[in-house]
Amino acid sequence: MEAINDFLSRTIPFTEWPMFLLLIVGGLFLVFYSKFLPYRFFGHAIAITAGRYDDKNAKGDVSSFQALSAAVAATVGLGNISGVAIAIHDGGPGVVFWIWMTALIGMCIKFYSCSLSIMYRGVDSEGKVQGGPMYYITKGLGEKWKPLAGFFAVCGLFGFLGVFTANQFTETFMSVIEPSSTLFEMSELNWKLSVGIVLAIITSFVIFGGLTKIAKVASAIVPFMVLVYLIAVIVVMVLNAQQVLPSLKMIITEAWNFDTIVTGGFWGLVIIGVRRAMFSNEAGLGSAPMYHGQSKTDNPIKEGLVASLGPFIDTILVCTMTAVVIILSGAYLEDSSGIVMTLSAFETTLFGFGDDLLMIIVTAFALSTLFTYSYYGVKSLSFLTNAKIGKLYNVYFVAMIIFAAVASLDLVKNLIDLSYALMVIPNMIAVLLLAPKVNEKAREYFKQLKDGRA
């Protein structure tokens, strides 16, 4: 594991700059190229999500709300709870500012990528409608670009594993339950292995049921778990109201700290923010288009607007609240990272039982994330082979949950960072090249909306 970690830590820097340029520079281009469309029609996007513009006769398997819930289930999760803690540990409070900036750009990236997922839907070997980067690359750019789609799918076989979620859920359990003090005398390794096996079994019951079952479970769990988490965070902020503004001020001032001790200095700080933001809301990664491509709609612009809400919900709201709690509690000053830092923050600020509450929330987050990630992996393997073989990904996925439960955080973090950085490259190339097609559809849609025909 140390050898793998060493290889990953040496490999990731070579993939960071292409990822950074495509995600930030490419994303900024899309913001101006769209004339700020996702931000101007934010309210309209909420109305679409609420079902006011649903077409019951449209193709697809799930509603726009279910698609957004499923996509948010994969993003609003441990990335928001432990991912933010890792970012603050690696780069200090200022890194949160760069997470915000990446999320705002990510709203526009998701608008384009998820619009493309409807515009260029494909059909798998079983005749089912499919969407996602592999399909808008091959159908939008042409068959000669298929190797690029294949590269994305291969990286997805590793990037869409639930290793980070399984790892951080296990760490949460070990920190809160403190197995060593229980009646069951087992080594730490055996405890982690046991947690991994139980988590794998629970996940199996849902993921082998297919997309419809995943979407139904996710749409039921996600709104509730987000509400409980937000209420807990708001209670902490109200109880510590005097420290909220200073915490936000610290985020902004530290973001421009050119003397930061972060490796790579100021630009190292920015890259940490970009990397963690991408992990949190997955904008530019190409995962959300896989779900939104299944929505019951024939209008790509409506689906793109719905998808653009994801980074706002996930990062601007949830991540910010997590960051404020970590900062005002002083947990960011401790020598801890990941979920352990967030647990410490909640325990300190919620009368000593905040870590127990967070344990319950993390359980819901972890399960919903695992349910949705498995589907991404199935689609990747199905594209490379066929739909029948693609379903075997779930067996590999479940086995890796058990592995991740006993793996180190550094190994898991590096594996995900490398996979994500590589996946951004083919996806963003396709999105940037196909952006004019989306703008054409947008002009058509808003003309229809103005005439009352949308």
Protein backbone atom coordinates (compact mmCIF):
# COMPACT_ATOMS: atom_id res chain seq x y z
CA MET A 1 0.00 0.00 0.00
CA GLU A 2 2.90 2.35 0.70
CA ALA A 3 4.31 1.59 -2.76
CA ILE A 4 0.94 2.32 -4.38
CA ASN A 5 0.62 5.52 -2.36
CA ASP A 6 4.08 6.65 -3.44
CA PHE A 7 3.27 6.00 -7.11
CA LEU A 8 -0.02 7.89 -6.89
CA SER A 9 1.51 10.89 -5.12
CA ARG A 10 4.15 11.15 -7.87
CA THR A 11 1.63 10.68 -10.68
CA ILE A 12 -1.09 13.11 -9.60
CA PRO A 13 0.91 16.37 -10.14
CA PHE A 14 1.28 15.50 -13.85
CA THR A 15 -2.51 15.29 -14.20
CA GLU A 16 -3.40 18.31 -12.05
CA TRP A 17 -2.52 21.09 -14.47
CA PRO A 18 -4.51 19.73 -17.46
CA MET A 19 -7.41 19.21 -15.06
CA PHE A 20 -7.00 22.71 -13.62
CA LEU A 21 -6.85 24.41 -17.04
CA LEU A 22 -9.81 22.51 -18.47
CA LEU A 23 -11.97 22.88 -15.37
CA ILE A 24 -11.26 26.51 -14.46
CA VAL A 25 -10.19 28.17 -17.72
CA GLY A 26 -12.62 26.05 -19.76
CA GLY A 27 -15.34 26.62 -17.18
CA LEU A 28 -14.83 30.40 -17.21
CA PHE A 29 -15.08 30.33 -21.01
CA LEU A 30 -18.46 28.56 -20.70
CA VAL A 31 -19.68 31.11 -18.13
CA PHE A 32 -19.13 33.99 -20.55
CA TYR A 33 -20.08 31.98 -23.65
CA SER A 34 -23.47 31.20 -22.08
CA LYS A 35 -23.93 34.86 -21.14
CA PHE A 36 -24.45 33.76 -17.52
CA LEU A 37 -27.53 31.74 -18.51
CA PRO A 38 -27.65 29.26 -15.56
CA TYR A 39 -27.48 32.14 -13.07
CA ARG A 40 -30.06 34.30 -14.85
CA PHE A 41 -32.57 31.46 -14.99
CA PHE A 42 -31.96 30.07 -11.50
CA GLY A 43 -35.63 30.51 -10.51
CA HIS A 44 -36.81 28.85 -13.70
CA ALA A 45 -34.57 25.87 -12.93
CA ILE A 46 -36.28 25.48 -9.54
CA ALA A 47 -39.70 25.55 -11.24
CA ILE A 48 -38.63 22.81 -13.67
CA THR A 49 -37.34 20.69 -10.77
CA ALA A 50 -40.68 21.12 -8.99
CA GLY A 51 -42.35 19.47 -11.98
CA ARG A 52 -44.17 22.47 -13.48
CA TYR A 53 -42.81 21.72 -16.94
CA ASP A 54 -42.82 17.89 -16.92
CA ASP A 55 -43.74 16.04 -20.12
CA LYS A 56 -45.34 12.68 -19.25
CA ASN A 57 -44.83 11.38 -22.80
CA ALA A 58 -41.09 12.07 -22.92
CA LYS A 59 -38.48 9.31 -23.15
CA GLY A 60 -36.49 8.27 -20.09
CA ASP A 61 -36.64 6.25 -16.88
CA VAL A 62 -36.81 8.83 -14.07
CA SER A 63 -38.18 12.33 -13.46
CA SER A 64 -35.93 15.40 -13.45
CA PHE A 65 -36.37 15.63 -9.67
CA GLN A 66 -35.34 11.98 -9.25
CA ALA A 67 -32.33 12.51 -11.52
CA LEU A 68 -31.27 15.57 -9.53
CA SER A 69 -31.83 13.68 -6.25
CA ALA A 70 -29.76 10.74 -7.48
CA ALA A 71 -26.98 13.01 -8.73
CA VAL A 72 -27.05 15.04 -5.49
CA ALA A 73 -27.04 11.76 -3.54
CA ALA A 74 -23.66 11.01 -5.10
CA THR A 75 -22.35 14.52 -4.37
CA VAL A 76 -24.06 15.64 -1.15
CA GLY A 77 -22.41 13.08 1.03
CA LEU A 78 -19.12 12.43 2.71
CA GLY A 79 -17.43 14.78 0.25
CA ASN A 80 -19.24 17.60 2.02
CA ILE A 81 -18.55 16.34 5.53
CA SER A 82 -15.06 14.85 5.36
CA GLY A 83 -13.95 16.29 1.99
CA VAL A 84 -14.20 19.83 3.32
CA ALA A 85 -12.28 18.80 6.44
CA ILE A 86 -9.52 17.30 4.28
CA ALA A 87 -9.36 20.51 2.24
CA ILE A 88 -9.07 22.69 5.36
CA HIS A 89 -6.47 20.32 6.82
CA ASP A 90 -4.39 20.46 3.61
CA GLY A 91 -4.79 24.15 2.80
CA GLY A 92 -6.30 26.00 5.76
CA PRO A 93 -9.62 27.91 5.95
CA GLY A 94 -8.81 29.93 2.81
CA VAL A 95 -9.22 26.88 0.62
CA VAL A 96 -13.00 27.10 1.11
CA PHE A 97 -13.10 30.32 -0.95
CA TRP A 98 -11.62 28.51 -3.93
CA ILE A 99 -14.12 25.71 -3.42
CA TRP A 100 -16.85 28.36 -3.77
CA MET A 101 -15.37 29.78 -6.98
CA THR A 102 -15.06 26.33 -8.52
CA ALA A 103 -18.66 25.52 -7.57
CA LEU A 104 -20.02 28.68 -9.23
CA ILE A 105 -18.14 27.79 -12.41
CA GLY A 106 -19.33 24.21 -11.96
CA MET A 107 -22.96 25.32 -12.24
CA CYS A 108 -22.29 26.39 -15.81
CA ILE A 109 -20.29 23.26 -16.63
CA LYS A 110 -23.15 21.07 -15.40
CA PHE A 111 -25.63 23.07 -17.46
CA TYR A 112 -23.69 22.29 -20.64
CA SER A 113 -22.72 18.70 -19.87
CA CYS A 114 -26.19 17.62 -18.72
CA SER A 115 -27.86 19.36 -21.67
CA LEU A 116 -25.56 17.31 -23.91
CA SER A 117 -26.55 14.13 -22.08
CA ILE A 118 -30.12 14.62 -23.38
CA MET A 119 -29.12 15.89 -26.83
CA TYR A 120 -26.93 12.89 -27.58
CA ARG A 121 -28.51 9.89 -25.93
CA GLY A 122 -27.49 6.42 -27.03
CA VAL A 123 -28.89 2.92 -26.69
CA ASP A 124 -27.11 0.04 -24.95
CA SER A 125 -27.01 -3.60 -26.05
CA GLU A 126 -30.36 -4.22 -24.30
CA GLY A 127 -32.05 -1.40 -26.17
CA LYS A 128 -32.29 0.92 -23.13
CA VAL A 129 -31.77 4.66 -23.52
CA GLN A 130 -28.44 5.83 -22.08
CA GLY A 131 -26.74 9.19 -21.61
CA GLY A 132 -23.41 10.51 -20.42
CA PRO A 133 -19.95 11.56 -21.66
CA MET A 134 -19.34 8.32 -23.59
CA TYR A 135 -22.44 8.96 -25.68
CA TYR A 136 -22.10 12.70 -26.34
CA ILE A 137 -18.46 12.11 -27.27
CA THR A 138 -19.26 9.38 -29.82
CA LYS A 139 -22.57 10.81 -31.08
CA GLY A 140 -21.76 14.50 -30.83
CA LEU A 141 -18.14 14.47 -31.97
CA GLY A 142 -18.33 11.31 -34.12
CA GLU A 143 -17.10 7.71 -34.00
CA LYS A 144 -13.49 8.78 -34.62
CA TRP A 145 -13.55 10.19 -31.07
CA LYS A 146 -14.53 6.83 -29.57
CA PRO A 147 -11.05 6.24 -28.04
CA LEU A 148 -11.61 9.40 -25.96
CA ALA A 149 -14.93 7.98 -24.74
CA GLY A 150 -13.23 4.67 -23.99
CA PHE A 151 -10.53 6.45 -21.98
CA PHE A 152 -13.22 8.14 -19.88
CA ALA A 153 -14.97 4.82 -19.25
CA VAL A 154 -11.74 3.05 -18.23
CA CYS A 155 -10.95 5.81 -15.71
CA GLY A 156 -14.55 5.52 -14.50
CA LEU A 157 -13.98 1.89 -13.52
CA PHE A 158 -11.72 3.24 -10.74
CA GLY A 159 -13.11 6.74 -10.15
CA PHE A 160 -16.64 5.48 -9.54
CA LEU A 161 -15.68 3.02 -6.84
CA GLY A 162 -17.15 3.93 -3.46
CA VAL A 163 -13.77 3.64 -1.76
CA PHE A 164 -13.68 7.11 -0.18
CA THR A 165 -17.21 6.77 1.16
CA ALA A 166 -16.59 3.30 2.59
CA ASN A 167 -13.29 4.42 4.12
CA GLN A 168 -14.71 7.51 5.81
CA PHE A 169 -17.85 5.72 7.01
CA THR A 170 -15.63 3.13 8.70
CA GLU A 171 -13.54 5.88 10.30
CA THR A 172 -16.75 7.50 11.58
CA PHE A 173 -17.90 4.24 13.12
CA MET A 174 -14.51 3.60 14.75
CA SER A 175 -14.37 7.14 16.20
CA VAL A 176 -17.91 7.26 17.58
CA ILE A 177 -18.49 3.67 18.73
CA GLU A 178 -14.95 3.14 20.05
CA PRO A 179 -15.09 -0.65 19.59
CA SER A 180 -12.16 -1.27 21.92
CA SER A 181 -14.35 -0.29 24.87
CA THR A 182 -17.22 -2.61 23.95
CA LEU A 183 -17.97 -6.16 25.05
CA PHE A 184 -16.74 -7.45 21.67
CA GLU A 185 -12.99 -7.69 21.95
CA MET A 186 -11.59 -7.55 18.40
CA SER A 187 -8.61 -5.91 16.80
CA GLU A 188 -9.09 -2.60 14.97
CA LEU A 189 -8.48 -4.34 11.64
CA ASN A 190 -11.18 -6.94 12.33
CA TRP A 191 -13.62 -4.23 13.36
CA LYS A 192 -13.00 -2.31 10.14
CA LEU A 193 -13.33 -5.49 8.12
CA SER A 194 -16.63 -6.28 9.83
CA VAL A 195 -17.99 -2.79 9.15
CA GLY A 196 -16.93 -3.10 5.49
CA ILE A 197 -18.71 -6.45 5.09
CA VAL A 198 -21.95 -5.16 6.63
CA LEU A 199 -21.83 -2.03 4.46
CA ALA A 200 -21.22 -4.18 1.37
CA ILE A 201 -24.21 -6.42 2.16
CA ILE A 202 -26.60 -3.47 2.68
CA THR A 203 -25.40 -1.84 -0.53
CA SER A 204 -25.92 -5.06 -2.48
CA PHE A 205 -29.64 -5.16 -1.68
CA VAL A 206 -30.19 -1.89 -3.55
CA ILE A 207 -27.60 -1.72 -6.34
CA PHE A 208 -28.56 -5.07 -7.84
CA GLY A 209 -32.07 -3.68 -8.30
CA GLY A 210 -31.05 -1.31 -11.11
CA LEU A 211 -31.52 2.39 -11.85
CA THR A 212 -35.21 2.74 -11.00
CA LYS A 213 -34.72 1.27 -7.53
CA ILE A 214 -31.62 3.42 -6.93
CA ALA A 215 -33.49 6.57 -8.02
CA LYS A 216 -36.48 5.81 -5.77
CA VAL A 217 -34.29 5.15 -2.73
CA ALA A 218 -32.12 8.22 -3.42
CA SER A 219 -35.08 10.57 -3.92
CA ALA A 220 -36.51 9.34 -0.60
CA ILE A 221 -33.27 9.57 1.40
CA VAL A 222 -31.59 12.68 -0.03
CA PRO A 223 -34.08 15.45 0.87
CA PHE A 224 -34.47 14.07 4.39
CA MET A 225 -30.76 13.59 5.10
CA VAL A 226 -29.86 17.02 3.74
CA LEU A 227 -32.60 18.61 5.89
CA VAL A 228 -31.42 16.87 9.09
CA TYR A 229 -27.80 17.81 8.41
CA LEU A 230 -28.68 21.45 7.64
CA ILE A 231 -30.81 21.71 10.81
CA ALA A 232 -27.90 20.36 12.91
CA VAL A 233 -25.48 22.82 11.32
CA ILE A 234 -27.88 25.75 11.68
CA VAL A 235 -28.33 24.93 15.39
CA VAL A 236 -24.55 25.02 15.83
CA MET A 237 -24.33 28.35 13.98
CA VAL A 238 -27.16 29.89 16.04
CA LEU A 239 -25.55 28.75 19.30
CA ASN A 240 -22.27 30.27 18.13
CA ALA A 241 -23.72 33.23 16.20
CA GLN A 242 -20.97 35.63 17.22
CA GLN A 243 -18.32 33.44 15.61
CA VAL A 244 -20.04 32.88 12.24
CA LEU A 245 -19.02 36.16 10.58
CA PRO A 246 -15.40 35.95 11.84
CA SER A 247 -15.25 32.40 10.41
CA LEU A 248 -16.47 33.60 7.01
CA LYS A 249 -14.07 36.53 7.17
CA MET A 250 -11.20 34.12 7.88
CA ILE A 251 -12.13 32.07 4.80
CA ILE A 252 -11.95 35.15 2.56
CA THR A 253 -8.78 36.69 4.02
CA GLU A 254 -6.87 33.39 4.13
CA ALA A 255 -7.81 32.71 0.49
CA TRP A 256 -5.43 35.48 -0.52
CA ASN A 257 -2.62 34.53 1.83
CA PHE A 258 0.40 34.52 -0.48
CA ASP A 259 2.63 33.40 2.38
CA THR A 260 0.67 30.20 2.95
CA ILE A 261 2.62 27.17 4.08
CA VAL A 262 0.71 24.95 1.65
CA THR A 263 2.98 22.98 -0.67
CA GLY A 264 3.12 24.97 -3.91
CA GLY A 265 2.32 28.25 -2.14
CA PHE A 266 -0.70 30.27 -3.26
CA TRP A 267 -1.31 28.20 -6.40
CA GLY A 268 -1.07 25.06 -4.31
CA LEU A 269 -3.89 26.47 -2.19
CA VAL A 270 -6.02 27.15 -5.28
CA ILE A 271 -5.43 23.66 -6.68
CA ILE A 272 -6.44 22.04 -3.38
CA GLY A 273 -9.68 24.07 -3.54
CA VAL A 274 -10.35 23.04 -7.15
CA ARG A 275 -9.58 19.39 -6.43
CA ARG A 276 -11.82 19.19 -3.36
CA ALA A 277 -14.62 21.16 -5.04
CA MET A 278 -14.58 18.73 -7.94
CA PHE A 279 -14.72 15.88 -5.45
CA SER A 280 -17.60 17.55 -3.65
CA ASN A 281 -19.91 18.50 -6.55
CA GLU A 282 -18.32 16.55 -9.44
CA ALA A 283 -18.75 19.42 -11.91
CA GLY A 284 -16.72 18.66 -15.03
CA LEU A 285 -16.24 15.06 -13.98
CA GLY A 286 -18.98 13.67 -16.22
CA SER A 287 -20.84 11.62 -13.62
CA ALA A 288 -24.01 13.73 -13.30
CA PRO A 289 -24.76 13.55 -17.06
CA MET A 290 -25.05 9.77 -16.68
CA TYR A 291 -28.04 10.19 -14.39
CA HIS A 292 -29.55 13.24 -16.06
CA GLY A 293 -29.32 11.41 -19.38
CA GLN A 294 -32.00 9.04 -18.04
CA SER A 295 -34.51 11.80 -17.23
CA LYS A 296 -38.02 11.75 -18.71
CA THR A 297 -37.54 14.80 -20.90
CA ASP A 298 -36.87 15.51 -24.54
CA ASN A 299 -35.71 19.06 -23.83
CA PRO A 300 -31.96 19.26 -23.10
CA ILE A 301 -32.01 22.84 -21.85
CA LYS A 302 -34.57 22.12 -19.13
CA GLU A 303 -32.47 19.23 -17.89
CA GLY A 304 -29.29 21.31 -18.03
CA LEU A 305 -30.91 24.00 -15.88
CA VAL A 306 -32.05 21.40 -13.33
CA ALA A 307 -28.52 19.95 -13.19
CA SER A 308 -26.99 23.40 -12.64
CA LEU A 309 -28.68 23.51 -9.22
CA GLY A 310 -26.50 20.61 -8.03
CA PRO A 311 -23.25 22.50 -7.30
CA PHE A 312 -25.20 25.29 -5.58
CA ILE A 313 -27.01 22.89 -3.23
CA ASP A 314 -23.99 20.70 -2.70
CA THR A 315 -21.16 23.18 -2.33
CA ILE A 316 -22.39 26.74 -1.82
CA LEU A 317 -24.87 25.62 0.86
CA VAL A 318 -23.76 22.34 2.44
CA CYS A 319 -19.96 22.69 2.18
CA THR A 320 -20.00 26.26 3.46
CA MET A 321 -21.99 25.29 6.53
CA THR A 322 -19.65 22.39 7.25
CA ALA A 323 -16.63 24.65 6.89
CA VAL A 324 -18.06 27.28 9.26
CA VAL A 325 -18.73 24.64 11.95
CA ILE A 326 -15.18 23.26 11.62
CA ILE A 327 -13.65 26.74 11.87
CA LEU A 328 -15.76 28.17 14.71
CA SER A 329 -15.30 24.99 16.77
CA GLY A 330 -11.52 25.25 16.44
CA ALA A 331 -11.36 21.68 15.12
CA TYR A 332 -9.29 22.85 12.13
CA LEU A 333 -6.41 23.56 14.53
CA GLU A 334 -6.27 19.91 15.63
CA ASP A 335 -3.90 17.36 14.11
CA SER A 336 -6.69 15.41 12.40
CA SER A 337 -8.16 15.16 8.94
CA GLY A 338 -11.23 13.88 7.15
CA ILE A 339 -14.28 12.74 9.05
CA VAL A 340 -12.43 12.69 12.40
CA MET A 341 -12.02 16.50 12.23
CA THR A 342 -15.73 17.02 11.47
CA LEU A 343 -16.76 14.63 14.24
CA SER A 344 -14.63 16.60 16.66
CA ALA A 345 -16.28 19.84 15.54
CA PHE A 346 -19.80 18.49 16.05
CA GLU A 347 -18.99 16.89 19.39
CA THR A 348 -17.57 20.18 20.65
CA THR A 349 -20.46 22.34 19.47
CA LEU A 350 -23.51 20.09 20.04
CA PHE A 351 -23.47 19.36 23.79
CA GLY A 352 -21.14 16.38 23.48
CA PHE A 353 -23.49 14.20 21.45
CA GLY A 354 -23.04 15.91 18.07
CA ASP A 355 -20.74 13.12 16.92
CA ASP A 356 -23.50 10.54 17.55
CA LEU A 357 -25.96 12.60 15.47
CA LEU A 358 -23.36 12.96 12.74
CA MET A 359 -22.88 9.19 12.78
CA ILE A 360 -26.56 8.73 11.85
CA ILE A 361 -26.34 11.37 9.11
CA VAL A 362 -23.12 9.91 7.75
CA THR A 363 -24.77 6.49 7.53
CA ALA A 364 -27.50 7.88 5.28
CA PHE A 365 -24.98 9.88 3.24
CA ALA A 366 -22.70 6.88 2.80
CA LEU A 367 -25.45 4.51 1.65
CA SER A 368 -27.00 6.95 -0.83
CA THR A 369 -23.58 7.75 -2.30
CA LEU A 370 -22.70 4.08 -2.69
CA PHE A 371 -26.05 3.36 -4.38
CA THR A 372 -25.53 6.05 -7.00
CA TYR A 373 -21.81 5.51 -7.62
CA SER A 374 -22.33 1.85 -8.45
CA TYR A 375 -24.59 2.86 -11.32
CA TYR A 376 -21.89 5.11 -12.82
CA GLY A 377 -19.46 2.20 -12.82
CA VAL A 378 -22.01 -0.16 -14.41
CA LYS A 379 -22.52 2.32 -17.26
CA SER A 380 -18.77 2.64 -17.79
CA LEU A 381 -18.22 -1.11 -18.02
CA SER A 382 -21.36 -1.53 -20.18
CA PHE A 383 -19.99 0.98 -22.69
CA LEU A 384 -16.67 -0.86 -22.88
CA THR A 385 -18.34 -4.29 -23.22
CA ASN A 386 -22.12 -4.73 -23.17
CA ALA A 387 -25.02 -4.27 -20.76
CA LYS A 388 -24.93 -7.87 -19.54
CA ILE A 389 -21.23 -7.80 -18.63
CA GLY A 390 -21.61 -4.26 -17.28
CA LYS A 391 -23.79 -5.51 -14.44
CA LEU A 392 -20.83 -7.53 -13.15
CA TYR A 393 -19.25 -4.22 -12.10
CA ASN A 394 -21.45 -4.34 -9.00
CA VAL A 395 -19.63 -7.48 -7.82
CA TYR A 396 -16.27 -5.69 -8.14
CA PHE A 397 -17.82 -2.56 -6.54
CA VAL A 398 -19.03 -4.50 -3.47
CA ALA A 399 -15.65 -6.20 -3.04
CA MET A 400 -13.88 -2.83 -3.12
CA ILE A 401 -16.13 -1.53 -0.34
CA ILE A 402 -14.61 -4.16 1.94
CA PHE A 403 -11.08 -3.27 0.77
CA ALA A 404 -11.68 0.47 1.30
CA ALA A 405 -12.85 -0.13 4.86
CA VAL A 406 -9.34 -1.24 5.87
CA ALA A 407 -7.32 0.98 3.47
CA SER A 408 -5.52 4.16 4.50
CA LEU A 409 -7.09 7.58 3.87
CA ASP A 410 -4.04 8.70 1.87
CA LEU A 411 -4.29 5.74 -0.50
CA VAL A 412 -8.01 6.23 -1.06
CA LYS A 413 -7.67 10.02 -1.49
CA ASN A 414 -4.85 9.72 -4.01
CA LEU A 415 -6.65 7.03 -6.01
CA ILE A 416 -9.78 9.17 -6.32
CA ASP A 417 -7.86 12.39 -7.09
CA LEU A 418 -5.93 10.67 -9.89
CA SER A 419 -9.02 9.03 -11.41
CA TYR A 420 -11.04 12.25 -11.25
CA ALA A 421 -8.28 14.36 -12.78
CA LEU A 422 -8.00 11.93 -15.70
CA MET A 423 -11.79 11.78 -16.23
CA VAL A 424 -12.08 15.58 -16.44
CA ILE A 425 -9.80 15.67 -19.50
CA PRO A 426 -11.98 13.77 -22.05
CA ASN A 427 -15.24 15.10 -20.61
CA MET A 428 -14.29 18.78 -20.68
CA ILE A 429 -12.77 18.50 -24.16
CA ALA A 430 -16.12 17.18 -25.43
CA VAL A 431 -18.17 19.76 -23.52
CA LEU A 432 -16.11 22.67 -24.86
CA LEU A 433 -16.26 21.41 -28.46
CA LEU A 434 -20.01 20.80 -28.32
CA ALA A 435 -20.93 24.00 -26.43
CA PRO A 436 -22.15 25.78 -29.64
CA LYS A 437 -24.74 23.02 -30.12
CA VAL A 438 -26.10 23.67 -26.62
CA ASN A 439 -26.33 27.41 -27.29
CA GLU A 440 -28.41 26.71 -30.42
CA LYS A 441 -30.84 24.59 -28.41
CA ALA A 442 -30.97 27.27 -25.69
CA ARG A 443 -32.01 29.94 -28.19
CA GLU A 444 -34.78 27.64 -29.47
CA TYR A 445 -36.00 26.80 -25.97
CA PHE A 446 -36.18 30.35 -24.65
CA LYS A 447 -37.98 31.49 -27.79
CA GLN A 448 -40.56 28.74 -27.16
CA LEU A 449 -40.76 29.76 -23.49
CA LYS A 450 -41.38 33.38 -24.47
CA ASP A 451 -44.14 32.29 -26.87
CA GLY A 452 -45.71 30.06 -24.21
CA ARG A 453 -44.92 26.81 -26.04
CA ALA A 454 -42.32 25.36 -23.61
